C-alpha atoms as a PDB file:
ATOM      1  CA  UNK A   1      19.647  12.050   9.069  1.00  0.00           C
ATOM      2  CA  UNK A   2      18.448   8.528   8.302  1.00  0.00           C
ATOM      3  CA  UNK A   3      14.708   7.789   8.064  1.00  0.00           C
ATOM      4  CA  UNK A   4      13.151   4.331   7.797  1.00  0.00           C
ATOM      5  CA  UNK A   5       9.728   3.954   6.205  1.00  0.00           C
ATOM      6  CA  UNK A   6       7.642   0.776   6.138  1.00  0.00           C
ATOM      7  CA  UNK A   7       4.700   0.547   3.729  1.00  0.00           C
ATOM      8  CA  UNK A   8       2.165  -2.198   4.473  1.00  0.00           C
ATOM      9  CA  UNK A   9       0.459  -2.674   1.124  1.00  0.00           C
ATOM     10  CA  UNK A  10      -2.085  -5.203  -0.041  1.00  0.00           C
ATOM     11  CA  UNK A  11       0.434  -7.087  -2.151  1.00  0.00           C
ATOM     12  CA  UNK A  12       3.833  -6.323  -0.606  1.00  0.00           C
ATOM     13  CA  UNK A  13       5.296  -4.877   2.571  1.00  0.00           C
ATOM     14  CA  UNK A  14       8.302  -2.664   1.920  1.00  0.00           C
ATOM     15  CA  UNK A  15      11.067  -1.208   4.041  1.00  0.00           C
ATOM     16  CA  UNK A  16      13.009   1.730   2.626  1.00  0.00           C
ATOM     17  CA  UNK A  17      15.839   3.520   4.410  1.00  0.00           C
ATOM     18  CA  UNK A  18      16.513   7.104   3.292  1.00  0.00           C
ATOM     19  CA  UNK A  19      19.315   9.577   3.878  1.00  0.00           C
ATOM     20  CA  UNK A  20      17.517  12.908   4.273  1.00  0.00           C
ATOM     21  CA  UNK A  21      19.294  16.259   3.924  1.00  0.00           C
ATOM     22  CA  UNK A  22      18.470  19.862   3.058  1.00  0.00           C
ATOM     23  CA  UNK A  23      19.131  18.983  -0.601  1.00  0.00           C
ATOM     24  CA  UNK A  24      16.564  16.156  -0.652  1.00  0.00           C
ATOM     25  CA  UNK A  25      16.803  12.451  -0.016  1.00  0.00           C
ATOM     26  CA  UNK A  26      18.665   9.412  -1.250  1.00  0.00           C
ATOM     27  CA  UNK A  27      17.586   5.782  -0.936  1.00  0.00           C
ATOM     28  CA  UNK A  28      20.169   3.814   1.030  1.00  0.00           C
ATOM     29  CA  UNK A  29      18.449   0.454   1.348  1.00  0.00           C
ATOM     30  CA  UNK A  30      15.292  -1.391   0.239  1.00  0.00           C
ATOM     31  CA  UNK A  31      13.759  -4.675   1.303  1.00  0.00           C
ATOM     32  CA  UNK A  32      10.429  -6.222   0.309  1.00  0.00           C
ATOM     33  CA  UNK A  33       8.217  -9.069   1.487  1.00  0.00           C
ATOM     34  CA  UNK A  34       5.542 -10.372  -0.868  1.00  0.00           C
ATOM     35  CA  UNK A  35       2.832 -10.814   1.775  1.00  0.00           C
ATOM     36  CA  UNK A  36      -0.242 -10.771  -0.479  1.00  0.00           C
ATOM     37  CA  UNK A  37      -2.466  -9.499   2.338  1.00  0.00           C
ATOM     38  CA  UNK A  38      -5.385  -8.912  -0.047  1.00  0.00           C
ATOM     39  CA  UNK A  39      -5.485 -12.694  -0.430  1.00  0.00           C
ATOM     40  CA  UNK A  40      -6.093 -13.076   3.312  1.00  0.00           C
ATOM     41  CA  UNK A  41      -9.328 -11.085   3.434  1.00  0.00           C
ATOM     42  CA  UNK A  42     -12.262 -13.336   4.335  1.00  0.00           C
ATOM     43  CA  UNK A  43     -15.786 -11.851   4.394  1.00  0.00           C
ATOM     44  CA  UNK A  44     -14.257  -8.365   4.519  1.00  0.00           C
ATOM     45  CA  UNK A  45     -11.901  -9.019   7.450  1.00  0.00           C
ATOM     46  CA  UNK A  46      -8.157  -9.611   7.461  1.00  0.00           C
ATOM     47  CA  UNK A  47      -7.759 -13.182   8.703  1.00  0.00           C
ATOM     48  CA  UNK A  48      -5.508 -14.240  11.599  1.00  0.00           C
ATOM     49  CA  UNK A  49      -3.131 -15.738   9.001  1.00  0.00           C
ATOM     50  CA  UNK A  50      -3.014 -12.386   7.182  1.00  0.00           C
ATOM     51  CA  UNK A  51      -2.264 -10.522  10.410  1.00  0.00           C
ATOM     52  CA  UNK A  52       0.465 -13.087  11.175  1.00  0.00           C
ATOM     53  CA  UNK A  53       2.016 -12.562   7.709  1.00  0.00           C
ATOM     54  CA  UNK A  54       2.135  -8.810   8.309  1.00  0.00           C
ATOM     55  CA  UNK A  55       3.693  -9.355  11.738  1.00  0.00           C
ATOM     56  CA  UNK A  56       6.313 -11.758  10.356  1.00  0.00           C
ATOM     57  CA  UNK A  57       7.434  -9.202   7.764  1.00  0.00           C
ATOM     58  CA  UNK A  58       7.516  -6.388  10.330  1.00  0.00           C
ATOM     59  CA  UNK A  59       9.521  -8.481  12.798  1.00  0.00           C
ATOM     60  CA  UNK A  60      12.017  -9.287  10.038  1.00  0.00           C
ATOM     61  CA  UNK A  61      12.292  -5.576   9.212  1.00  0.00           C
ATOM     62  CA  UNK A  62      12.717  -4.794  12.911  1.00  0.00           C
ATOM     63  CA  UNK A  63      15.767  -7.084  13.035  1.00  0.00           C
ATOM     64  CA  UNK A  64      17.182  -5.436   9.914  1.00  0.00           C
ATOM     65  CA  UNK A  65      16.711  -1.970  11.399  1.00  0.00           C
ATOM     66  CA  UNK A  66      18.348  -3.060  14.641  1.00  0.00           C
ATOM     67  CA  UNK A  67      21.381  -4.354  12.726  1.00  0.00           C
ATOM     68  CA  UNK A  68      21.585  -1.011  10.916  1.00  0.00           C
ATOM     69  CA  UNK A  69      21.352   0.929  14.183  1.00  0.00           C
ATOM     70  CA  UNK A  70      18.001   2.514  13.287  1.00  0.00           C
ATOM     71  CA  UNK A  71      15.745   2.894  16.326  1.00  0.00           C
ATOM     72  CA  UNK A  72      12.547   4.237  14.767  1.00  0.00           C
ATOM     73  CA  UNK A  73      10.526   3.789  11.613  1.00  0.00           C
ATOM     74  CA  UNK A  74       7.480   5.494  10.159  1.00  0.00           C
ATOM     75  CA  UNK A  75       5.038   2.655   9.504  1.00  0.00           C
ATOM     76  CA  UNK A  76       1.907   3.130   7.446  1.00  0.00           C
ATOM     77  CA  UNK A  77      -0.698   0.984   5.772  1.00  0.00           C
ATOM     78  CA  UNK A  78      -2.764   1.684   2.703  1.00  0.00           C
ATOM     79  CA  UNK A  79      -5.735  -0.312   1.375  1.00  0.00           C
ATOM     80  CA  UNK A  80      -4.379  -3.424   3.112  1.00  0.00           C
ATOM     81  CA  UNK A  81      -5.878  -2.156   6.381  1.00  0.00           C
ATOM     82  CA  UNK A  82      -8.055   0.715   5.135  1.00  0.00           C
ATOM     83  CA  UNK A  83     -10.442  -1.507   3.159  1.00  0.00           C
ATOM     84  CA  UNK A  84     -11.040  -4.194   5.781  1.00  0.00           C
ATOM     85  CA  UNK A  85     -13.775  -4.516   8.403  1.00  0.00           C
ATOM     86  CA  UNK A  86     -11.401  -5.182  11.325  1.00  0.00           C
ATOM     87  CA  UNK A  87      -8.660  -2.540  11.106  1.00  0.00           C
ATOM     88  CA  UNK A  88      -8.590  -1.832  14.866  1.00  0.00           C
ATOM     89  CA  UNK A  89      -8.149  -5.525  15.677  1.00  0.00           C
ATOM     90  CA  UNK A  90      -5.365  -5.821  13.105  1.00  0.00           C
ATOM     91  CA  UNK A  91      -3.631  -2.674  14.421  1.00  0.00           C
ATOM     92  CA  UNK A  92      -3.810  -3.906  18.032  1.00  0.00           C
ATOM     93  CA  UNK A  93      -2.443  -7.342  17.166  1.00  0.00           C
ATOM     94  CA  UNK A  94       0.335  -5.879  15.014  1.00  0.00           C
ATOM     95  CA  UNK A  95       1.318  -3.422  17.772  1.00  0.00           C
ATOM     96  CA  UNK A  96       1.302  -6.187  20.417  1.00  0.00           C
ATOM     97  CA  UNK A  97       3.408  -8.548  18.291  1.00  0.00           C
ATOM     98  CA  UNK A  98       5.882  -6.051  16.779  1.00  0.00           C
ATOM     99  CA  UNK A  99       5.836  -2.840  18.825  1.00  0.00           C
ATOM    100  CA  UNK A 100       5.102  -0.828  15.660  1.00  0.00           C
ATOM    101  CA  UNK A 101       2.369   1.807  15.712  1.00  0.00           C
ATOM    102  CA  UNK A 102       0.868   1.704  12.244  1.00  0.00           C
ATOM    103  CA  UNK A 103      -0.859   4.710  10.688  1.00  0.00           C
ATOM    104  CA  UNK A 104      -3.565   3.933   8.138  1.00  0.00           C
ATOM    105  CA  UNK A 105      -3.506   6.395   5.249  1.00  0.00           C
ATOM    106  CA  UNK A 106      -6.787   7.547   3.745  1.00  0.00           C
ATOM    107  CA  UNK A 107      -7.275   6.991   0.027  1.00  0.00           C
ATOM    108  CA  UNK A 108      -6.736  10.693  -0.628  1.00  0.00           C
ATOM    109  CA  UNK A 109      -3.523  10.736   1.444  1.00  0.00           C
ATOM    110  CA  UNK A 110      -2.262   7.705  -0.456  1.00  0.00           C
ATOM    111  CA  UNK A 111      -3.065   9.344  -3.793  1.00  0.00           C
ATOM    112  CA  UNK A 112      -1.376  12.643  -2.916  1.00  0.00           C
ATOM    113  CA  UNK A 113       1.714  11.035  -1.352  1.00  0.00           C
ATOM    114  CA  UNK A 114       2.096   8.667  -4.302  1.00  0.00           C
ATOM    115  CA  UNK A 115       1.844  11.616  -6.671  1.00  0.00           C
ATOM    116  CA  UNK A 116       4.413  13.626  -4.671  1.00  0.00           C
ATOM    117  CA  UNK A 117       6.819  10.685  -4.669  1.00  0.00           C
ATOM    118  CA  UNK A 118       6.454  10.078  -8.395  1.00  0.00           C
ATOM    119  CA  UNK A 119       6.870  13.754  -9.245  1.00  0.00           C
ATOM    120  CA  UNK A 120      10.046  14.097  -7.175  1.00  0.00           C
ATOM    121  CA  UNK A 121      12.168  12.776 -10.045  1.00  0.00           C
ATOM    122  CA  UNK A 122       9.881  13.559 -12.983  1.00  0.00           C
ATOM    123  CA  UNK A 123       9.795  16.715 -15.035  1.00  0.00           C
ATOM    124  CA  UNK A 124       6.099  16.569 -15.973  1.00  0.00           C
ATOM    125  CA  UNK A 125       3.872  19.624 -15.821  1.00  0.00           C
ATOM    126  CA  UNK A 126       0.433  18.323 -16.773  1.00  0.00           C
ATOM    127  CA  UNK A 127      -1.168  14.904 -16.765  1.00  0.00           C
ATOM    128  CA  UNK A 128      -2.584  12.122 -14.665  1.00  0.00           C
ATOM    129  CA  UNK A 129      -0.840   9.940 -12.125  1.00  0.00           C
ATOM    130  CA  UNK A 130      -2.327   6.448 -11.720  1.00  0.00           C
ATOM    131  CA  UNK A 131      -1.196   3.963  -9.065  1.00  0.00           C
ATOM    132  CA  UNK A 132      -2.744   0.492  -9.399  1.00  0.00           C
ATOM    133  CA  UNK A 133      -2.059  -1.374  -6.205  1.00  0.00           C
ATOM    134  CA  UNK A 134      -3.129  -4.719  -4.868  1.00  0.00           C
ATOM    135  CA  UNK A 135      -6.420  -3.520  -3.327  1.00  0.00           C
ATOM    136  CA  UNK A 136      -6.833   0.082  -4.449  1.00  0.00           C
ATOM    137  CA  UNK A 137      -6.203   2.387  -7.380  1.00  0.00           C
ATOM    138  CA  UNK A 138      -5.352   6.060  -6.940  1.00  0.00           C
ATOM    139  CA  UNK A 139      -5.707   8.703  -9.638  1.00  0.00           C
ATOM    140  CA  UNK A 140      -4.393  12.269  -9.427  1.00  0.00           C
ATOM    141  CA  UNK A 141      -4.842  14.797 -12.216  1.00  0.00           C
ATOM    142  CA  UNK A 142      -2.494  17.772 -12.285  1.00  0.00           C
ATOM    143  CA  UNK A 143      -1.798  20.901 -14.287  1.00  0.00           C
ATOM    144  CA  UNK A 144       1.222  23.151 -13.894  1.00  0.00           C
ATOM    145  CA  UNK A 145       2.419  20.599 -11.298  1.00  0.00           C
ATOM    146  CA  UNK A 146      -0.611  21.551  -9.172  1.00  0.00           C
ATOM    147  CA  UNK A 147      -3.126  18.891  -8.153  1.00  0.00           C
ATOM    148  CA  UNK A 148      -6.529  19.379  -9.757  1.00  0.00           C
ATOM    149  CA  UNK A 149      -8.271  16.329  -8.339  1.00  0.00           C
ATOM    150  CA  UNK A 150      -7.465  13.092  -6.547  1.00  0.00           C
ATOM    151  CA  UNK A 151      -9.486   9.953  -5.962  1.00  0.00           C
ATOM    152  CA  UNK A 152      -8.945   6.459  -4.557  1.00  0.00           C
ATOM    153  CA  UNK A 153     -10.961   3.465  -5.758  1.00  0.00           C
ATOM    154  CA  UNK A 154     -11.178   0.369  -3.503  1.00  0.00           C
ATOM    155  CA  UNK A 155     -10.190  -2.020  -6.301  1.00  0.00           C
ATOM    156  CA  UNK A 156      -6.740  -3.206  -7.285  1.00  0.00           C
ATOM    157  CA  UNK A 157      -5.097  -5.970  -9.253  1.00  0.00           C
ATOM    158  CA  UNK A 158      -4.982  -8.557  -6.483  1.00  0.00           C
ATOM    159  CA  UNK A 159      -8.443  -7.834  -5.062  1.00  0.00           C
ATOM    160  CA  UNK A 160     -10.003  -7.905  -8.545  1.00  0.00           C
ATOM    161  CA  UNK A 161      -8.316 -11.210  -9.311  1.00  0.00           C
ATOM    162  CA  UNK A 162      -9.433 -12.749  -6.031  1.00  0.00           C
ATOM    163  CA  UNK A 163     -12.980 -11.433  -6.398  1.00  0.00           C
ATOM    164  CA  UNK A 164     -13.566 -12.102 -10.107  1.00  0.00           C
ATOM    165  CA  UNK A 165     -11.316 -14.896 -11.387  1.00  0.00           C
ATOM    166  CA  UNK A 166     -12.421 -18.444 -10.644  1.00  0.00           C
ATOM    167  CA  UNK A 167      -9.539 -20.303 -12.324  1.00  0.00           C
ATOM    168  CA  UNK A 168      -5.846 -19.523 -12.730  1.00  0.00           C
ATOM    169  CA  UNK A 169      -6.296 -17.384 -15.862  1.00  0.00           C
ATOM    170  CA  UNK A 170      -9.287 -15.088 -16.408  1.00  0.00           C
ATOM    171  CA  UNK A 171     -11.732 -16.334 -19.003  1.00  0.00           C
ATOM    172  CA  UNK A 172     -14.641 -14.489 -20.630  1.00  0.00           C
ATOM    173  CA  UNK A 173     -16.789 -14.770 -17.484  1.00  0.00           C
ATOM    174  CA  UNK A 174     -13.993 -13.400 -15.302  1.00  0.00           C
ATOM    175  CA  UNK A 175     -13.439 -10.492 -17.688  1.00  0.00           C
ATOM    176  CA  UNK A 176     -17.169  -9.646 -17.578  1.00  0.00           C
ATOM    177  CA  UNK A 177     -17.090  -9.712 -13.744  1.00  0.00           C
ATOM    178  CA  UNK A 178     -13.990  -7.476 -13.695  1.00  0.00           C
ATOM    179  CA  UNK A 179     -15.616  -5.031 -16.117  1.00  0.00           C
ATOM    180  CA  UNK A 180     -18.808  -4.982 -13.998  1.00  0.00           C
ATOM    181  CA  UNK A 181     -16.859  -4.213 -10.798  1.00  0.00           C
ATOM    182  CA  UNK A 182     -14.855  -1.464 -12.508  1.00  0.00           C
ATOM    183  CA  UNK A 183     -17.992   0.079 -14.060  1.00  0.00           C
ATOM    184  CA  UNK A 184     -19.667   0.169 -10.631  1.00  0.00           C
ATOM    185  CA  UNK A 185     -16.635   1.778  -8.977  1.00  0.00           C
ATOM    186  CA  UNK A 186     -16.137   4.372 -11.722  1.00  0.00           C
ATOM    187  CA  UNK A 187     -19.813   5.381 -11.553  1.00  0.00           C
END
C-alpha cells in the first residue's frame, strides 16, 4: 500500500510517499518546498502571504500526487500552525484553497512521533532525542527504548533568528537576546 504524508513545518513543507507493508515501510519519493512560514508570522498571526505560501506548496504537491495516482494524503502541521494566534483561519483558508484537511499536532505528539521515526532505523537503547525545528524544539529522553519524558519548547532556529537577530549575522546583542529567550523557555 502507498501512503502519502505532507508535513507543514515552520521552515519547510515536505511530501513523502511511502510503500507500507507488514515488514515496515520504504520511502519511494520525497519533495520539499522551503516555505519559511515562521518568517510570515506578524504579531503572532500567520499572515495572508504565509497562508498563500503554504497553499502554493500544497497545490504543487496535489499535482504531484495526482500524477502518481495517489488520491489521499495525511497532512499535518507542527509549530507552523500550532504556535500562531489564527490557526482556525489558516486551516479554513488552506482547506478552501487546496481541499486538504490539515491536522495540527500537539508539541507532545510531534516529540513522540519524531522520536519514533528516528528510532526506526537506530539501534540506540538509552539517550535523548532532540529535534530543533524552525519554530519549536522537541526533546524526548528514553531508557531501554522506552520514553521517560517528552517536552516541546515553542522556540526554533528560524523563530529565534527572526525574534532576536537584528542584522544578517548575530552579534553580541543578538546572542544575549537568544540566551535570554532560551533561559526563559527552559525555566
